[in-house]
C-alpha atoms as a PDB file:
ATOM      1  CA  GLY A   1     -13.126   3.181  24.568  1.00  0.00           C
ATOM      2  CA  VAL A   2     -11.429   5.579  22.198  1.00  0.00           C
ATOM      3  CA  LEU A   3     -12.510   9.107  21.262  1.00  0.00           C
ATOM      4  CA  LEU A   4     -10.982  10.368  18.021  1.00  0.00           C
ATOM      5  CA  VAL A   5     -10.946  14.151  17.542  1.00  0.00           C
ATOM      6  CA  ALA A   6      -9.550  15.332  14.198  1.00  0.00           C
ATOM      7  CA  SER A   7      -9.162  18.636  12.375  1.00  0.00           C
ATOM      8  CA  ASN A   8      -8.123  19.515   8.814  1.00  0.00           C
ATOM      9  CA  LEU A   9      -9.554  16.195   7.625  1.00  0.00           C
ATOM     10  CA  PRO A  10     -10.940  16.681   4.101  1.00  0.00           C
ATOM     11  CA  ALA A  11     -14.412  15.415   3.302  1.00  0.00           C
ATOM     12  CA  PRO A  12     -14.169  11.904   1.855  1.00  0.00           C
ATOM     13  CA  PRO A  13     -14.745  11.624  -1.910  1.00  0.00           C
ATOM     14  CA  ALA A  14     -18.011  10.160  -3.192  1.00  0.00           C
ATOM     15  CA  GLY A  15     -18.262   6.460  -2.363  1.00  0.00           C
ATOM     16  CA  LYS A  16     -15.579   6.659   0.372  1.00  0.00           C
ATOM     17  CA  ILE A  17     -15.631   6.963   4.165  1.00  0.00           C
ATOM     18  CA  TYR A  18     -13.079   7.127   6.974  1.00  0.00           C
ATOM     19  CA  GLU A  19     -12.577   3.955   8.998  1.00  0.00           C
ATOM     20  CA  MET A  20     -10.821   3.787  12.370  1.00  0.00           C
ATOM     21  CA  TRP A  21      -8.669   0.798  13.327  1.00  0.00           C
ATOM     22  CA  ILE A  22      -7.385  -0.570  16.629  1.00  0.00           C
ATOM     23  CA  ILE A  23      -3.957  -2.075  15.952  1.00  0.00           C
ATOM     24  CA  PRO A  24      -2.711  -4.534  18.581  1.00  0.00           C
ATOM     25  CA  LYS A  25       1.022  -4.826  19.204  1.00  0.00           C
ATOM     26  CA  GLY A  26       2.197  -7.455  16.714  1.00  0.00           C
ATOM     27  CA  GLY A  27      -1.335  -8.059  15.447  1.00  0.00           C
ATOM     28  CA  LYS A  28      -3.711  -7.292  12.606  1.00  0.00           C
ATOM     29  CA  PRO A  29      -5.843  -4.117  12.610  1.00  0.00           C
ATOM     30  CA  ALA A  30      -9.414  -4.529  13.870  1.00  0.00           C
ATOM     31  CA  PRO A  31     -12.189  -2.274  12.510  1.00  0.00           C
ATOM     32  CA  ALA A  32     -13.374   0.328  15.022  1.00  0.00           C
ATOM     33  CA  GLY A  33     -16.100   2.197  13.170  1.00  0.00           C
ATOM     34  CA  LEU A  34     -16.882   4.457  10.243  1.00  0.00           C
ATOM     35  CA  PHE A  35     -17.171   8.246  10.199  1.00  0.00           C
ATOM     36  CA  ALA A  36     -17.019  11.296   7.940  1.00  0.00           C
ATOM     37  CA  SER A  37     -15.609  14.757   8.546  1.00  0.00           C
ATOM     38  CA  SER A  38     -17.686  17.936   8.702  1.00  0.00           C
ATOM     39  CA  GLU A  39     -17.520  20.675   6.076  1.00  0.00           C
ATOM     40  CA  ASP A  40     -15.017  22.524   8.281  1.00  0.00           C
ATOM     41  CA  GLY A  41     -12.690  19.490   8.340  1.00  0.00           C
ATOM     42  CA  THR A  42     -13.417  18.400  11.903  1.00  0.00           C
ATOM     43  CA  ALA A  43     -14.417  14.899  12.915  1.00  0.00           C
ATOM     44  CA  LEU A  44     -15.416  13.122  16.117  1.00  0.00           C
ATOM     45  CA  HIS A  45     -15.694   9.367  16.416  1.00  0.00           C
ATOM     46  CA  LEU A  46     -16.328   7.361  19.583  1.00  0.00           C
ATOM     47  CA  HIS A  47     -15.387   3.684  19.704  1.00  0.00           C
ATOM     48  CA  ARG A  48     -17.186   2.434  22.814  1.00  0.00           C
ATOM     49  CA  THR A  49     -15.531  -0.973  23.166  1.00  0.00           C
ATOM     50  CA  THR A  50     -12.924  -1.286  25.914  1.00  0.00           C
ATOM     51  CA  ILE A  51      -9.344  -1.621  24.686  1.00  0.00           C
ATOM     52  CA  SER A  52      -6.182  -2.583  26.558  1.00  0.00           C
ATOM     53  CA  LEU A  53      -3.433   0.031  26.514  1.00  0.00           C
ATOM     54  CA  ALA A  54      -0.980  -2.742  27.396  1.00  0.00           C
ATOM     55  CA  THR A  55      -1.677  -4.655  24.174  1.00  0.00           C
ATOM     56  CA  THR A  56      -2.728  -1.890  21.749  1.00  0.00           C
ATOM     57  CA  GLY A  57       0.101  -0.494  19.637  1.00  0.00           C
ATOM     58  CA  ALA A  58      -1.736   2.202  17.674  1.00  0.00           C
ATOM     59  CA  ILE A  59      -4.989   3.726  16.521  1.00  0.00           C
ATOM     60  CA  ALA A  60      -5.202   4.496  12.798  1.00  0.00           C
ATOM     61  CA  VAL A  61      -7.632   5.937  10.255  1.00  0.00           C
ATOM     62  CA  THR A  62      -7.821   4.996   6.584  1.00  0.00           C
ATOM     63  CA  LEU A  63     -10.020   6.114   3.699  1.00  0.00           C
ATOM     64  CA  GLU A  64     -12.117   3.147   2.581  1.00  0.00           C
ATOM     65  CA  ARG A  65     -15.104   2.360   0.375  1.00  0.00           C
ATOM     66  CA  ALA A  66     -18.495   3.316   1.779  1.00  0.00           C
ATOM     67  CA  GLY A  67     -19.777   0.597   4.077  1.00  0.00           C
ATOM     68  CA  GLY A  68     -16.294  -0.164   5.395  1.00  0.00           C
ATOM     69  CA  VAL A  69     -13.947  -3.101   4.978  1.00  0.00           C
ATOM     70  CA  ASP A  70     -12.616  -5.940   7.151  1.00  0.00           C
ATOM     71  CA  ALA A  71      -8.947  -4.948   6.713  1.00  0.00           C
ATOM     72  CA  PRO A  72      -7.319  -1.657   5.642  1.00  0.00           C
ATOM     73  CA  THR A  73      -6.900  -1.205   1.877  1.00  0.00           C
ATOM     74  CA  SER A  74      -5.098   2.148   1.918  1.00  0.00           C
ATOM     75  CA  GLN A  75      -2.299   3.900   3.759  1.00  0.00           C
ATOM     76  CA  PRO A  76      -3.394   5.551   7.027  1.00  0.00           C
ATOM     77  CA  VAL A  77      -4.216   9.256   6.979  1.00  0.00           C
ATOM     78  CA  ILE A  78      -3.890   9.324  10.789  1.00  0.00           C
ATOM     79  CA  VAL A  79      -1.754   7.131  13.058  1.00  0.00           C
ATOM     80  CA  ALA A  80      -1.481   7.550  16.812  1.00  0.00           C
ATOM     81  CA  ALA A  81       1.057   5.270  18.463  1.00  0.00           C
ATOM     82  CA  LEU A  82       0.196   4.277  22.033  1.00  0.00           C
END
């Protein structure tokens, strides 16, 4: 799985939520859950599904409409290359 720990992450605007993505090397991002940040700008999100470090290129977070989307519609606010 993946545990995302973030700080200084502004609260999402009304009607929006943060969405985490697992990005395979050379592949399309796969949704990995929705989360919001706390009033102090911190956020924790646990994606419990096993991922392969050999085939995963990055973990990313985008700001999306509430309810989430099937593919990112905005530029990432967080990207962690693996």
